[in-house]
Amino acid sequence: MSTSSFLLMIGYAFRASLLVVFIITFNDHRSAISIASSSTATSNN
């Protein structure tokens, strides 16, 4: 395996992990917003 293909695989894995983290945090953020909107919370961050 050459170094360029190895770095390319690392780049793809890094982008895939970033996408997974973004999806997880987006889902957590959306559920937190729905919980805050369902409860009578008047504190806006």
N, C-alpha and C. Protein backbone atom coordinates (compact mmCIF):
# COMPACT_ATOMS: atom_id res chain seq x y z
N MET A 1 0.85 -1.19 0.00
CA MET A 1 0.00 0.00 0.00
C MET A 1 0.89 1.24 0.00
N SER A 2 0.62 2.13 -0.93
CA SER A 2 1.42 3.35 -0.99
C SER A 2 0.93 4.35 0.04
N THR A 3 1.74 5.39 0.22
CA THR A 3 1.39 6.37 1.26
C THR A 3 0.21 7.23 0.85
N SER A 4 0.10 7.54 -0.45
CA SER A 4 -0.98 8.41 -0.89
C SER A 4 -2.34 7.74 -0.71
N SER A 5 -2.43 6.44 -1.05
CA SER A 5 -3.70 5.73 -0.87
C SER A 5 -4.03 5.58 0.61
N PHE A 6 -2.99 5.45 1.44
CA PHE A 6 -3.23 5.34 2.88
C PHE A 6 -3.77 6.65 3.43
N LEU A 7 -3.20 7.77 2.98
CA LEU A 7 -3.69 9.07 3.42
C LEU A 7 -5.09 9.33 2.88
N LEU A 8 -5.37 8.82 1.69
CA LEU A 8 -6.70 8.99 1.12
C LEU A 8 -7.73 8.23 1.94
N MET A 9 -7.37 7.00 2.37
CA MET A 9 -8.28 6.23 3.21
C MET A 9 -8.48 6.91 4.55
N ILE A 10 -7.42 7.50 5.10
CA ILE A 10 -7.56 8.22 6.38
C ILE A 10 -8.49 9.42 6.20
N GLY A 11 -8.36 10.11 5.07
CA GLY A 11 -9.23 11.26 4.80
C GLY A 11 -10.68 10.85 4.68
N TYR A 12 -10.94 9.73 3.99
CA TYR A 12 -12.32 9.26 3.85
C TYR A 12 -12.89 8.83 5.20
N ALA A 13 -12.07 8.14 6.00
CA ALA A 13 -12.55 7.71 7.32
C ALA A 13 -12.81 8.92 8.21
N PHE A 14 -11.95 9.94 8.09
CA PHE A 14 -12.13 11.13 8.90
C PHE A 14 -13.41 11.85 8.53
N ARG A 15 -13.68 11.95 7.22
CA ARG A 15 -14.91 12.61 6.79
C ARG A 15 -16.14 11.80 7.18
N ALA A 16 -16.04 10.48 7.12
CA ALA A 16 -17.17 9.63 7.50
C ALA A 16 -17.47 9.78 8.99
N SER A 17 -16.41 9.82 9.81
CA SER A 17 -16.62 9.96 11.25
C SER A 17 -17.18 11.34 11.56
N LEU A 18 -16.73 12.37 10.83
CA LEU A 18 -17.28 13.71 11.04
C LEU A 18 -18.76 13.73 10.68
N LEU A 19 -19.13 13.04 9.62
CA LEU A 19 -20.54 13.00 9.21
C LEU A 19 -21.38 12.29 10.26
N VAL A 20 -20.86 11.19 10.82
CA VAL A 20 -21.60 10.46 11.85
C VAL A 20 -21.77 11.32 13.10
N VAL A 21 -20.69 12.01 13.50
CA VAL A 21 -20.77 12.88 14.68
C VAL A 21 -21.75 14.01 14.43
N PHE A 22 -21.76 14.57 13.21
CA PHE A 22 -22.69 15.66 12.90
C PHE A 22 -24.13 15.17 12.96
N ILE A 23 -24.38 13.97 12.43
CA ILE A 23 -25.75 13.44 12.44
C ILE A 23 -26.20 13.17 13.88
N ILE A 24 -25.29 12.63 14.70
CA ILE A 24 -25.66 12.32 16.10
C ILE A 24 -25.94 13.61 16.86
N THR A 25 -25.08 14.61 16.71
CA THR A 25 -25.28 15.86 17.44
C THR A 25 -26.52 16.58 16.92
N PHE A 26 -26.82 16.47 15.61
CA PHE A 26 -28.01 17.11 15.06
C PHE A 26 -29.26 16.47 15.62
N ASN A 27 -29.26 15.13 15.74
CA ASN A 27 -30.42 14.44 16.29
C ASN A 27 -30.59 14.78 17.77
N ASP A 28 -29.47 14.86 18.52
CA ASP A 28 -29.56 15.23 19.93
C ASP A 28 -30.06 16.65 20.07
N HIS A 29 -29.60 17.54 19.20
CA HIS A 29 -30.01 18.94 19.27
C HIS A 29 -31.49 19.07 18.96
N ARG A 30 -31.96 18.30 17.97
CA ARG A 30 -33.36 18.38 17.59
C ARG A 30 -34.25 17.82 18.70
N SER A 31 -33.83 16.74 19.33
CA SER A 31 -34.63 16.17 20.42
C SER A 31 -34.63 17.11 21.62
N ALA A 32 -33.50 17.78 21.87
CA ALA A 32 -33.44 18.73 22.98
C ALA A 32 -34.35 19.91 22.70
N ILE A 33 -34.42 20.35 21.43
CA ILE A 33 -35.30 21.46 21.08
C ILE A 33 -36.76 21.03 21.25
N SER A 34 -37.10 19.81 20.85
CA SER A 34 -38.48 19.35 20.97
C SER A 34 -38.87 19.20 22.43
N ILE A 35 -37.92 18.74 23.26
CA ILE A 35 -38.20 18.60 24.69
C ILE A 35 -38.40 19.98 25.32
N ALA A 36 -37.55 20.93 24.95
CA ALA A 36 -37.64 22.27 25.52
C ALA A 36 -38.91 22.97 25.05
N SER A 37 -39.33 22.72 23.81
CA SER A 37 -40.53 23.37 23.31
C SER A 37 -41.78 22.71 23.88
N SER A 38 -41.73 21.41 24.16
CA SER A 38 -42.89 20.73 24.72
C SER A 38 -43.09 21.15 26.17
N SER A 39 -41.99 21.31 26.91
CA SER A 39 -42.10 21.80 28.28
C SER A 39 -42.22 23.32 28.25
N THR A 40 -42.67 23.91 29.34
CA THR A 40 -42.85 25.36 29.37
C THR A 40 -41.56 26.02 29.81
N ALA A 41 -40.54 25.92 28.94
CA ALA A 41 -39.25 26.55 29.25
C ALA A 41 -39.16 27.87 28.50
N THR A 42 -38.96 28.94 29.24
CA THR A 42 -38.90 30.26 28.61
C THR A 42 -37.47 30.76 28.50
N SER A 43 -36.48 29.94 28.85
CA SER A 43 -35.08 30.37 28.78
C SER A 43 -34.55 30.09 27.39
N ASN A 44 -34.11 31.14 26.70
CA ASN A 44 -33.55 31.00 25.35
C ASN A 44 -32.05 31.19 25.42
N ASN A 45 -31.30 30.24 24.90
CA ASN A 45 -29.84 30.35 24.91
C ASN A 45 -29.38 31.10 23.68
